[in-house]
Protein backbone atom coordinates (compact mmCIF):
# COMPACT_ATOMS: atom_id res chain seq x y z
CA MET A 1 -5.29 156.87 39.05
CA ASP A 2 -6.23 159.01 36.16
CA LEU A 3 -3.59 160.99 34.89
CA ALA A 4 -4.60 162.21 32.03
CA GLY A 5 -3.25 166.26 31.60
CA GLN A 6 -0.61 165.49 33.66
CA ASN A 7 3.25 165.54 31.95
CA ALA A 8 5.25 162.82 31.10
CA ALA A 9 7.22 163.01 34.57
CA VAL A 10 4.23 162.89 37.16
CA ARG A 11 3.26 159.34 35.01
CA ALA A 12 6.50 158.01 34.74
CA THR A 13 6.81 159.09 38.76
CA TYR A 14 3.49 157.10 39.24
CA HIS A 15 4.32 154.44 37.11
CA THR A 16 7.96 153.75 38.79
CA VAL A 17 6.57 154.22 42.44
CA TYR A 18 3.39 151.65 41.86
CA ARG A 19 3.31 150.18 38.46
CA ARG A 20 7.24 149.27 38.21
CA PHE A 21 8.36 148.44 41.65
CA ARG A 22 4.69 146.64 42.09
CA PRO A 23 4.55 146.04 46.19
CA PRO A 24 4.67 142.47 46.70
CA PRO A 25 0.99 140.48 46.69
CA ALA A 26 0.84 140.46 50.66
CA THR A 27 0.81 144.13 50.76
CA ASP A 28 -1.07 147.18 48.76
CA HIS A 29 0.70 150.07 49.29
CA VAL A 30 4.81 150.71 49.17
CA ASP A 31 6.13 152.08 52.48
CA LEU A 32 8.90 154.50 51.47
CA TYR A 33 9.51 156.75 48.01
CA HIS A 34 12.72 157.85 48.35
CA ARG A 35 13.79 159.56 44.84
CA ILE A 36 17.15 159.43 44.91
CA GLN A 37 17.68 161.93 41.68
CA ASP A 38 15.90 164.86 41.21
CA ASP A 39 14.49 166.27 37.78
CA PRO A 40 14.81 169.80 37.64
CA GLN A 41 12.51 170.25 34.56
CA THR A 42 9.66 169.12 36.30
CA PRO A 43 7.95 171.46 38.69
CA LEU A 44 7.91 170.86 42.39
CA GLU A 45 3.92 170.83 42.06
CA GLU A 46 3.48 168.39 39.82
CA THR A 47 5.73 165.83 41.37
CA LEU A 48 4.98 166.83 44.98
CA GLY A 49 0.85 166.72 43.50
CA ALA A 50 1.71 162.90 42.17
CA TYR A 51 2.97 161.96 45.59
CA ASP A 52 -0.12 163.32 47.14
CA ARG A 53 -2.55 161.43 45.48
CA LEU A 54 -0.39 157.88 45.59
CA ILE A 55 -0.49 158.99 49.66
CA ARG A 56 -4.31 160.06 49.56
CA GLN A 57 -5.17 156.58 47.63
CA GLY A 58 -3.15 154.56 50.46
CA LYS A 59 -0.88 153.46 47.67
CA LEU A 60 2.15 155.16 49.46
CA ARG A 61 3.56 155.83 53.13
CA PHE A 62 6.30 158.43 52.65
CA ILE A 63 8.53 159.85 50.57
CA GLY A 64 12.35 160.78 50.69
CA ALA A 65 14.64 162.85 48.73
CA SER A 66 17.97 162.51 48.54
CA ASN A 67 21.05 164.38 46.13
CA TYR A 68 18.91 167.45 45.56
CA SER A 69 20.59 170.22 46.39
CA GLY A 70 20.28 172.90 49.36
CA GLU A 71 18.50 175.13 47.14
CA ARG A 72 15.93 172.65 45.55
CA LEU A 73 15.24 171.30 48.93
CA ARG A 74 14.36 174.26 50.13
CA ALA A 75 12.15 175.16 47.43
CA ALA A 76 10.21 171.76 47.61
CA LEU A 77 9.77 172.02 51.16
CA GLU A 78 8.44 175.84 50.87
CA THR A 79 6.22 174.16 48.25
CA SER A 80 5.11 171.66 50.31
CA ARG A 81 4.11 174.01 53.17
CA ARG A 82 2.78 176.50 50.92
CA ASN A 83 0.43 174.13 49.00
CA SER A 84 -0.34 172.02 51.73
CA LEU A 85 1.49 169.14 49.90
CA PRO A 86 3.48 165.72 51.27
CA MET A 87 7.30 166.64 52.53
CA SER A 88 10.27 164.58 53.30
CA ARG A 89 10.60 164.22 56.74
CA PRO A 90 12.87 162.20 58.78
CA PHE A 91 11.78 159.05 60.00
CA SER A 92 11.03 158.52 64.07
CA ARG A 93 9.24 155.89 66.24
CA SER A 94 6.10 157.80 66.00
CA THR A 95 5.75 157.62 62.10
CA ILE A 96 6.68 153.66 62.01
């Protein structure tokens, strides 16, 4: 994945998701990346865009988030809707 021109936080997200916690040899993707701490210094478009690229490449299936303020989570969902980017959503039998 070419991350040239992306800020350090987006590159770190990619490396955390796929390089540092590389899936076991039997698989080539991460089922769920659950972000447990918000980085308010990184624009949501950049973080969600990095997730979108990983999902489109087949390296990541689902995203989740916790410990975000209600305001920041609403902003993330609106950013996702506005830019057709992935969003955290509850799991159901149909998505697993």
